[in-house]
Amino acid sequence: QVQLVESGGGLVQAGGSPRLACAASGISFRLNAMAWHRQTQGNERELVAAIDSAGSAKYGDSAKGRFTIPRDNAKNTVYLSMTSLKPEDTAVYYCAVGNYGLGTQPYHYDYWGQGTQITVSS
C-alpha cells in the first residue's frame, strides 16, 4: 500500500521560508520521480517542482528561483524548501509519486498525498 504523508504546512508570514516534507512508503522510493503540486479553490492543480530518480529537477514558473526540491533516498522523503513566500503562494500543496520522469501534469503521477495547507499572510 502506497502512502505519502506531507508535513510542514501552516500559516507563514510573507517573506518566510518554510519547508514541507513528504514521507513515502510502499514504493521503491529511489526509483521513482517525486513532485509537489499545488491547488487553490477553483483552479487546476499545478506543478510546483519535480525531481527524478537521478536527482534532476524541474520547476514551475512560480517556483523558479525561490523553491528547491531535495530528496533523501535513505529516508524515503522528498522536501519542498520555499523562500520569499508571497500571499499568492497560498494553496494546498500535494506530494505525488510517479515513474514518468519529470512530468509536469497531474496525470503523470500515480499516487498522491492528502495535501497540506500553506497560508501566507501579508
C-alpha atoms as a PDB file:
ATOM      1  CA  GLN A   1       0.000   0.000   0.000  1.00  0.00           C
ATOM      2  CA  VAL A   2       1.463   3.308  -1.118  1.00  0.00           C
ATOM      3  CA  GLN A   3       1.339   6.134   1.388  1.00  0.00           C
ATOM      4  CA  LEU A   4       2.551   9.690   1.040  1.00  0.00           C
ATOM      5  CA  VAL A   5       2.367  11.780   4.178  1.00  0.00           C
ATOM      6  CA  GLU A   6       3.022  15.505   3.935  1.00  0.00           C
ATOM      7  CA  SER A   7       4.016  17.728   6.831  1.00  0.00           C
ATOM      8  CA  GLY A   8       5.221  21.252   7.413  1.00  0.00           C
ATOM      9  CA  GLY A   9       2.238  23.303   6.332  1.00  0.00           C
ATOM     10  CA  GLY A  10       0.627  26.125   8.244  1.00  0.00           C
ATOM     11  CA  LEU A  11       0.425  29.890   8.483  1.00  0.00           C
ATOM     12  CA  VAL A  12       3.519  31.716   7.270  1.00  0.00           C
ATOM     13  CA  GLN A  13       4.317  35.407   7.010  1.00  0.00           C
ATOM     14  CA  ALA A  14       5.174  36.864   3.638  1.00  0.00           C
ATOM     15  CA  GLY A  15       8.895  36.503   3.027  1.00  0.00           C
ATOM     16  CA  GLY A  16       9.065  33.361   5.135  1.00  0.00           C
ATOM     17  CA  SER A  17      10.968  30.176   4.309  1.00  0.00           C
ATOM     18  CA  PRO A  18       9.101  27.054   5.367  1.00  0.00           C
ATOM     19  CA  ARG A  19       9.985  23.524   4.362  1.00  0.00           C
ATOM     20  CA  LEU A  20       7.480  20.851   3.503  1.00  0.00           C
ATOM     21  CA  ALA A  21       8.290  17.160   3.840  1.00  0.00           C
ATOM     22  CA  CYS A  22       6.707  14.124   2.219  1.00  0.00           C
ATOM     23  CA  ALA A  23       7.455  10.706   3.665  1.00  0.00           C
ATOM     24  CA  ALA A  24       6.767   7.824   1.305  1.00  0.00           C
ATOM     25  CA  SER A  25       6.152   4.171   1.990  1.00  0.00           C
ATOM     26  CA  GLY A  26       5.085   1.179  -0.068  1.00  0.00           C
ATOM     27  CA  ILE A  27       7.199   2.143  -3.078  1.00  0.00           C
ATOM     28  CA  SER A  28      10.773   1.786  -4.271  1.00  0.00           C
ATOM     29  CA  PHE A  29      11.354   5.399  -3.450  1.00  0.00           C
ATOM     30  CA  ARG A  30      14.759   5.846  -5.094  1.00  0.00           C
ATOM     31  CA  LEU A  31      13.444   4.548  -8.430  1.00  0.00           C
ATOM     32  CA  ASN A  32      10.576   6.999  -8.718  1.00  0.00           C
ATOM     33  CA  ALA A  33      10.095  10.615  -9.595  1.00  0.00           C
ATOM     34  CA  MET A  34       8.593  12.769  -6.873  1.00  0.00           C
ATOM     35  CA  ALA A  35       6.797  16.044  -7.231  1.00  0.00           C
ATOM     36  CA  TRP A  36       4.976  18.802  -5.443  1.00  0.00           C
ATOM     37  CA  HIS A  37       1.879  20.315  -6.941  1.00  0.00           C
ATOM     38  CA  ARG A  38      -0.388  22.969  -5.506  1.00  0.00           C
ATOM     39  CA  GLN A  39      -4.014  23.867  -5.901  1.00  0.00           C
ATOM     40  CA  THR A  40      -6.236  26.764  -4.945  1.00  0.00           C
ATOM     41  CA  GLN A  41     -10.003  26.661  -4.870  1.00  0.00           C
ATOM     42  CA  GLY A  42     -11.495  26.733  -8.319  1.00  0.00           C
ATOM     43  CA  ASN A  43      -8.190  26.248 -10.065  1.00  0.00           C
ATOM     44  CA  GLU A  44      -6.427  23.278 -11.565  1.00  0.00           C
ATOM     45  CA  ARG A  45      -3.606  21.559  -9.777  1.00  0.00           C
ATOM     46  CA  GLU A  46      -0.274  22.965 -10.993  1.00  0.00           C
ATOM     47  CA  LEU A  47       3.264  21.680 -10.826  1.00  0.00           C
ATOM     48  CA  VAL A  48       5.493  23.385  -8.300  1.00  0.00           C
ATOM     49  CA  ALA A  49       8.561  21.164  -8.600  1.00  0.00           C
ATOM     50  CA  ALA A  50       9.570  17.652  -9.619  1.00  0.00           C
ATOM     51  CA  ILE A  51      12.671  15.557  -9.127  1.00  0.00           C
ATOM     52  CA  ASP A  52      13.508  12.335 -10.923  1.00  0.00           C
ATOM     53  CA  SER A  53      15.400   9.283  -9.713  1.00  0.00           C
ATOM     54  CA  ALA A  54      18.705  10.733 -10.943  1.00  0.00           C
ATOM     55  CA  GLY A  55      18.206  13.930  -8.990  1.00  0.00           C
ATOM     56  CA  SER A  56      17.368  16.200 -11.909  1.00  0.00           C
ATOM     57  CA  ALA A  57      14.719  18.768 -11.084  1.00  0.00           C
ATOM     58  CA  LYS A  58      12.139  20.826 -12.900  1.00  0.00           C
ATOM     59  CA  TYR A  59      10.272  23.819 -11.517  1.00  0.00           C
ATOM     60  CA  GLY A  60       7.043  25.523 -12.313  1.00  0.00           C
ATOM     61  CA  ASP A  61       7.267  29.181 -13.238  1.00  0.00           C
ATOM     62  CA  SER A  62       6.024  30.273  -9.820  1.00  0.00           C
ATOM     63  CA  ALA A  63       8.766  28.325  -8.065  1.00  0.00           C
ATOM     64  CA  LYS A  64      11.816  29.132 -10.159  1.00  0.00           C
ATOM     65  CA  GLY A  65      14.490  30.873  -8.149  1.00  0.00           C
ATOM     66  CA  ARG A  66      12.578  30.572  -4.872  1.00  0.00           C
ATOM     67  CA  PHE A  67      11.898  26.883  -4.218  1.00  0.00           C
ATOM     68  CA  THR A  68      14.031  23.748  -4.288  1.00  0.00           C
ATOM     69  CA  ILE A  69      13.070  20.064  -4.155  1.00  0.00           C
ATOM     70  CA  PRO A  70      15.732  17.964  -2.470  1.00  0.00           C
ATOM     71  CA  ARG A  71      15.180  14.270  -1.854  1.00  0.00           C
ATOM     72  CA  ASP A  72      16.682  11.945   0.738  1.00  0.00           C
ATOM     73  CA  ASN A  73      16.546   8.385  -0.550  1.00  0.00           C
ATOM     74  CA  ALA A  74      17.800   6.990   2.758  1.00  0.00           C
ATOM     75  CA  LYS A  75      14.746   8.477   4.489  1.00  0.00           C
ATOM     76  CA  ASN A  76      12.271   7.926   1.635  1.00  0.00           C
ATOM     77  CA  THR A  77      11.472  11.610   1.917  1.00  0.00           C
ATOM     78  CA  VAL A  78      11.197  14.488  -0.510  1.00  0.00           C
ATOM     79  CA  TYR A  79      11.175  18.083   0.617  1.00  0.00           C
ATOM     80  CA  LEU A  80       9.999  21.387  -0.750  1.00  0.00           C
ATOM     81  CA  SER A  81      12.163  24.213   0.542  1.00  0.00           C
ATOM     82  CA  MET A  82      10.455  27.513  -0.046  1.00  0.00           C
ATOM     83  CA  THR A  83      11.818  31.034   0.306  1.00  0.00           C
ATOM     84  CA  SER A  84      10.454  34.551  -0.189  1.00  0.00           C
ATOM     85  CA  LEU A  85       6.881  33.410   0.149  1.00  0.00           C
ATOM     86  CA  LYS A  86       4.138  35.632  -1.235  1.00  0.00           C
ATOM     87  CA  PRO A  87       0.415  35.697  -0.466  1.00  0.00           C
ATOM     88  CA  GLU A  88      -0.197  34.196  -3.908  1.00  0.00           C
ATOM     89  CA  ASP A  89       1.677  31.075  -2.793  1.00  0.00           C
ATOM     90  CA  THR A  90      -1.263  30.302  -0.524  1.00  0.00           C
ATOM     91  CA  ALA A  91      -2.570  26.895  -1.600  1.00  0.00           C
ATOM     92  CA  VAL A  92      -2.880  23.262  -0.689  1.00  0.00           C
ATOM     93  CA  TYR A  93       0.400  21.575  -1.527  1.00  0.00           C
ATOM     94  CA  TYR A  94       0.326  17.943  -2.632  1.00  0.00           C
ATOM     95  CA  CYS A  95       3.118  15.406  -2.831  1.00  0.00           C
ATOM     96  CA  ALA A  96       2.989  12.894  -5.657  1.00  0.00           C
ATOM     97  CA  VAL A  97       4.951   9.929  -6.974  1.00  0.00           C
ATOM     98  CA  GLY A  98       5.254   8.503 -10.457  1.00  0.00           C
ATOM     99  CA  ASN A  99       7.635   6.871 -12.887  1.00  0.00           C
ATOM    100  CA  TYR A 100       7.154   9.180 -15.878  1.00  0.00           C
ATOM    101  CA  GLY A 101      10.214  11.237 -15.066  1.00  0.00           C
ATOM    102  CA  LEU A 102       9.908  14.993 -14.767  1.00  0.00           C
ATOM    103  CA  GLY A 103       6.232  15.060 -15.610  1.00  0.00           C
ATOM    104  CA  THR A 104       4.510  18.407 -15.494  1.00  0.00           C
ATOM    105  CA  GLN A 105       0.907  17.253 -15.453  1.00  0.00           C
ATOM    106  CA  PRO A 106      -1.071  15.620 -12.630  1.00  0.00           C
ATOM    107  CA  TYR A 107      -1.766  12.581 -14.822  1.00  0.00           C
ATOM    108  CA  HIS A 108       1.969  11.846 -14.900  1.00  0.00           C
ATOM    109  CA  TYR A 109       1.721  10.811 -11.245  1.00  0.00           C
ATOM    110  CA  ASP A 110       0.187   7.681  -9.815  1.00  0.00           C
ATOM    111  CA  TYR A 111      -0.209   8.344  -6.103  1.00  0.00           C
ATOM    112  CA  TRP A 112      -0.903  11.454  -4.081  1.00  0.00           C
ATOM    113  CA  GLY A 113      -0.712  12.591  -0.522  1.00  0.00           C
ATOM    114  CA  GLN A 114      -3.610  14.162   1.311  1.00  0.00           C
ATOM    115  CA  GLY A 115      -2.228  17.677   0.911  1.00  0.00           C
ATOM    116  CA  THR A 116      -1.014  20.276   3.360  1.00  0.00           C
ATOM    117  CA  GLN A 117      -2.234  23.857   3.512  1.00  0.00           C
ATOM    118  CA  ILE A 118       0.174  26.759   3.257  1.00  0.00           C
ATOM    119  CA  THR A 119      -1.344  30.150   4.037  1.00  0.00           C
ATOM    120  CA  VAL A 120       0.844  33.196   3.503  1.00  0.00           C
ATOM    121  CA  SER A 121      -0.158  36.332   5.386  1.00  0.00           C
ATOM    122  CA  SER A 122       0.837  39.754   4.110  1.00  0.00           C
END
